[in-house]
Amino acid sequence: MGLLGKTKQVIEHPQLGSVTFHRRKGSKNIRLSVSHSEKLLLSYPWFVSLRQAQNFLKDHEAWAQTALEKVRKRYQNHPTPSPREVELLRQKAKETILPRLEQLAHLHSFSYNKSYIKNNKSNWGSCSAANNINLNLRLILLPEYLRDYVMLHELCHTRIKNHGQHFWTLLNGFTDGLAKVYAKELRAQQPFKNLHG
């Protein structure tokens, strides 16, 4: 067992490997998830003891095994590109995606500050408070309509900074009412589970 601080502990499980137990203030429920690095994270409220959290994990071992296997298969199907491949993807993305972002912004009367291509491992795109748009270089591997969806998603964030109903109504206006359909398709395009930002 390794101690990461007062609120985090890493415990080696005989079947599941390393499990990070994270005791969080403000949390109301116990949550079990799998990271992109094939590690389990169990977060639990302050009023729950570590022993109770471990018992929760024991009760959900079967789910955890299945979830870990899904992540492993996902990454077998999407191997990590080599540094040279990353740079080739980055260059192609700069030549293709950034001009398309500018085109979409002009077409739909959006304005943004700066745009960047990133080798991000957690999302497809993001929009900062200053309306800088970051787009993942792996977008170049997606079908064109999903690339456009991601870019429109981030452009809509230049006007609305949350994912509330007004945001989805705005995005639907630029995607023929298919925003949630595209979002679901995008979630199936691993390695990224969600679109953030």
Protein backbone atom coordinates (compact mmCIF):
# COMPACT_ATOMS: atom_id res chain seq x y z
CA MET A 1 0.00 0.00 0.00
CA GLY A 2 1.32 3.45 -0.94
CA LEU A 3 0.23 6.70 0.64
CA LEU A 4 -0.37 9.62 -1.72
CA GLY A 5 -1.50 12.08 0.91
CA LYS A 6 -4.21 12.32 3.52
CA THR A 7 -7.01 11.64 1.07
CA LYS A 8 -5.50 9.13 -1.38
CA GLN A 9 -4.18 5.61 -0.95
CA VAL A 10 -3.07 3.09 -3.55
CA ILE A 11 -3.80 -0.49 -2.61
CA GLU A 12 -2.73 -3.52 -4.62
CA HIS A 13 -5.61 -5.88 -5.30
CA PRO A 14 -4.70 -9.52 -6.14
CA GLN A 15 -7.03 -9.66 -9.17
CA LEU A 16 -7.58 -6.00 -10.10
CA GLY A 17 -4.07 -4.58 -9.69
CA SER A 18 -3.51 -1.08 -8.32
CA VAL A 19 -6.63 0.60 -6.95
CA THR A 20 -6.55 4.26 -5.90
CA PHE A 21 -8.89 5.04 -3.02
CA HIS A 22 -9.69 8.76 -3.01
CA ARG A 23 -11.57 10.17 -0.03
CA ARG A 24 -13.22 13.38 -1.21
CA LYS A 25 -14.87 16.18 0.70
CA GLY A 26 -18.20 17.16 -0.81
CA SER A 27 -18.68 13.76 -2.41
CA LYS A 28 -22.01 12.09 -1.59
CA ASN A 29 -21.61 8.67 -3.19
CA ILE A 30 -19.04 5.95 -3.71
CA ARG A 31 -17.90 5.86 -7.35
CA LEU A 32 -15.78 3.29 -9.13
CA SER A 33 -14.16 4.07 -12.49
CA VAL A 34 -11.33 2.95 -14.76
CA SER A 35 -8.67 5.34 -16.04
CA HIS A 36 -7.11 5.37 -19.52
CA SER A 37 -4.00 3.80 -17.97
CA GLU A 38 -6.04 0.74 -16.96
CA LYS A 39 -6.14 1.63 -13.26
CA LEU A 40 -9.13 1.56 -10.96
CA LEU A 41 -10.16 4.67 -9.06
CA LEU A 42 -12.60 4.46 -6.19
CA SER A 43 -13.73 7.81 -4.79
CA TYR A 44 -15.77 7.92 -1.64
CA PRO A 45 -17.30 10.53 0.72
CA TRP A 46 -15.55 11.81 3.81
CA PHE A 47 -18.06 10.09 6.09
CA VAL A 48 -17.28 6.66 4.59
CA SER A 49 -14.37 4.69 6.07
CA LEU A 50 -11.64 3.07 4.02
CA ARG A 51 -12.88 -0.33 5.15
CA GLN A 52 -16.37 0.47 3.86
CA ALA A 53 -14.86 1.60 0.57
CA GLN A 54 -12.90 -1.66 0.33
CA ASN A 55 -16.09 -3.62 0.99
CA PHE A 56 -17.77 -1.68 -1.83
CA LEU A 57 -14.97 -2.71 -4.16
CA LYS A 58 -15.33 -6.32 -3.05
CA ASP A 59 -19.05 -6.22 -3.87
CA HIS A 60 -18.29 -4.79 -7.32
CA GLU A 61 -15.27 -6.90 -8.30
CA ALA A 62 -17.10 -8.48 -11.24
CA TRP A 63 -18.00 -5.07 -12.68
CA ALA A 64 -14.43 -3.86 -12.18
CA GLN A 65 -12.98 -6.89 -14.00
CA THR A 66 -15.32 -6.32 -16.94
CA ALA A 67 -14.56 -2.60 -17.07
CA LEU A 68 -10.80 -3.21 -17.00
CA GLU A 69 -11.09 -5.73 -19.82
CA LYS A 70 -13.04 -3.26 -21.95
CA VAL A 71 -10.33 -0.63 -21.50
CA ARG A 72 -7.60 -3.12 -22.39
CA LYS A 73 -9.41 -4.15 -25.58
CA ARG A 74 -10.02 -0.51 -26.45
CA TYR A 75 -6.32 0.26 -26.35
CA GLN A 76 -5.42 -2.90 -28.26
CA ASN A 77 -7.62 -1.56 -31.06
CA HIS A 78 -6.11 1.93 -30.72
CA PRO A 79 -2.38 1.50 -30.13
CA THR A 80 -0.38 4.51 -29.02
CA PRO A 81 1.21 6.15 -32.07
CA SER A 82 4.98 6.56 -32.22
CA PRO A 83 6.49 10.07 -31.81
CA ARG A 84 6.99 10.26 -35.59
CA GLU A 85 3.37 9.25 -36.20
CA VAL A 86 2.22 11.89 -33.71
CA GLU A 87 4.13 14.60 -35.55
CA LEU A 88 2.73 13.47 -38.89
CA LEU A 89 -0.78 13.56 -37.47
CA ARG A 90 -0.13 16.99 -35.95
CA GLN A 91 1.06 18.41 -39.26
CA LYS A 92 -1.86 16.96 -41.18
CA ALA A 93 -4.28 18.25 -38.53
CA LYS A 94 -2.81 21.75 -38.75
CA GLU A 95 -3.19 21.73 -42.52
CA THR A 96 -6.72 20.32 -42.50
CA ILE A 97 -8.51 20.95 -39.21
CA LEU A 98 -7.48 24.52 -38.38
CA PRO A 99 -8.59 25.91 -41.77
CA ARG A 100 -11.87 24.02 -41.39
CA LEU A 101 -12.37 25.53 -37.92
CA GLU A 102 -11.91 28.99 -39.39
CA GLN A 103 -14.33 28.15 -42.19
CA LEU A 104 -17.01 26.91 -39.79
CA ALA A 105 -16.58 29.95 -37.57
CA HIS A 106 -17.03 32.28 -40.55
CA LEU A 107 -19.98 30.29 -41.89
CA HIS A 108 -21.88 30.40 -38.58
CA SER A 109 -20.72 33.83 -37.33
CA PHE A 110 -18.58 32.58 -34.45
CA SER A 111 -15.45 34.31 -33.25
CA TYR A 112 -12.61 32.79 -31.24
CA ASN A 113 -9.21 33.96 -30.11
CA LYS A 114 -6.51 31.42 -30.99
CA SER A 115 -6.57 27.78 -32.09
CA TYR A 116 -4.12 25.00 -31.33
CA ILE A 117 -3.57 21.35 -32.25
CA LYS A 118 -2.77 19.28 -29.15
CA ASN A 119 -1.73 15.71 -28.47
CA ASN A 120 -4.31 15.43 -25.72
CA LYS A 121 -5.13 12.13 -24.05
CA SER A 122 -8.31 13.12 -22.26
CA ASN A 123 -10.57 14.90 -24.74
CA TRP A 124 -11.25 15.70 -28.37
CA GLY A 125 -11.34 19.44 -27.87
CA SER A 126 -11.70 22.29 -25.40
CA CYS A 127 -12.49 25.99 -25.30
CA SER A 128 -10.84 28.20 -22.69
CA ALA A 129 -12.35 31.14 -20.85
CA ALA A 130 -10.42 33.38 -23.26
CA ASN A 131 -12.05 31.55 -26.22
CA ASN A 132 -8.87 29.77 -27.25
CA ILE A 133 -9.81 26.50 -28.94
CA ASN A 134 -7.69 23.36 -28.54
CA LEU A 135 -8.31 20.47 -30.91
CA ASN A 136 -6.88 16.99 -30.65
CA LEU A 137 -4.58 15.90 -33.46
CA ARG A 138 -6.43 12.56 -33.57
CA LEU A 139 -9.47 14.35 -34.96
CA ILE A 140 -7.84 13.79 -38.33
CA LEU A 141 -8.64 10.08 -37.90
CA LEU A 142 -12.37 10.68 -37.45
CA PRO A 143 -15.02 10.86 -40.18
CA GLU A 144 -15.41 14.40 -41.48
CA TYR A 145 -18.87 14.93 -39.98
CA LEU A 146 -17.62 14.01 -36.50
CA ARG A 147 -14.63 16.34 -36.90
CA ASP A 148 -17.06 19.12 -37.78
CA TYR A 149 -19.21 18.20 -34.78
CA VAL A 150 -16.26 18.55 -32.40
CA MET A 151 -15.30 21.91 -33.90
CA LEU A 152 -18.90 23.18 -33.75
CA HIS A 153 -19.11 21.93 -30.16
CA GLU A 154 -16.12 24.04 -29.18
CA LEU A 155 -17.30 27.05 -31.22
CA CYS A 156 -20.61 26.94 -29.34
CA HIS A 157 -18.59 27.11 -26.13
CA THR A 158 -17.34 30.54 -27.21
CA ARG A 159 -20.91 31.67 -26.45
CA ILE A 160 -22.02 29.24 -23.75
CA LYS A 161 -19.44 27.84 -21.31
CA ASN A 162 -21.50 24.97 -19.93
CA HIS A 163 -23.35 21.90 -21.18
CA GLY A 164 -26.82 23.05 -20.18
CA GLN A 165 -29.96 22.92 -22.29
CA HIS A 166 -29.21 26.27 -23.97
CA PHE A 167 -25.87 24.91 -25.14
CA TRP A 168 -27.42 21.80 -26.72
CA THR A 169 -30.17 23.87 -28.33
CA LEU A 170 -27.51 26.12 -29.89
CA LEU A 171 -25.42 23.16 -31.07
CA ASN A 172 -28.48 21.39 -32.48
CA GLY A 173 -29.10 24.45 -34.62
CA PHE A 174 -25.81 23.83 -36.41
CA THR A 175 -26.06 20.01 -36.59
CA ASP A 176 -29.60 19.51 -37.93
CA GLY A 177 -30.77 18.48 -34.46
CA LEU A 178 -28.28 15.60 -34.31
CA ALA A 179 -25.94 16.91 -31.60
CA LYS A 180 -26.74 14.15 -29.09
CA VAL A 181 -26.55 11.50 -31.83
CA TYR A 182 -23.10 12.71 -32.85
CA ALA A 183 -22.03 12.92 -29.20
CA LYS A 184 -23.00 9.27 -28.75
CA GLU A 185 -21.10 8.27 -31.90
CA LEU A 186 -18.09 10.19 -30.68
CA ARG A 187 -18.09 8.30 -27.38
CA ALA A 188 -17.77 5.09 -29.38
CA GLN A 189 -14.67 6.48 -31.10
CA GLN A 190 -12.14 5.59 -28.44
CA PRO A 191 -9.62 6.24 -26.90
CA PHE A 192 -11.62 9.16 -25.47
CA LYS A 193 -14.74 8.40 -23.52
CA ASN A 194 -16.13 11.93 -23.39
CA LEU A 195 -15.93 15.25 -25.08
CA HIS A 196 -15.08 17.95 -22.56
CA GLY A 197 -14.71 21.66 -22.80
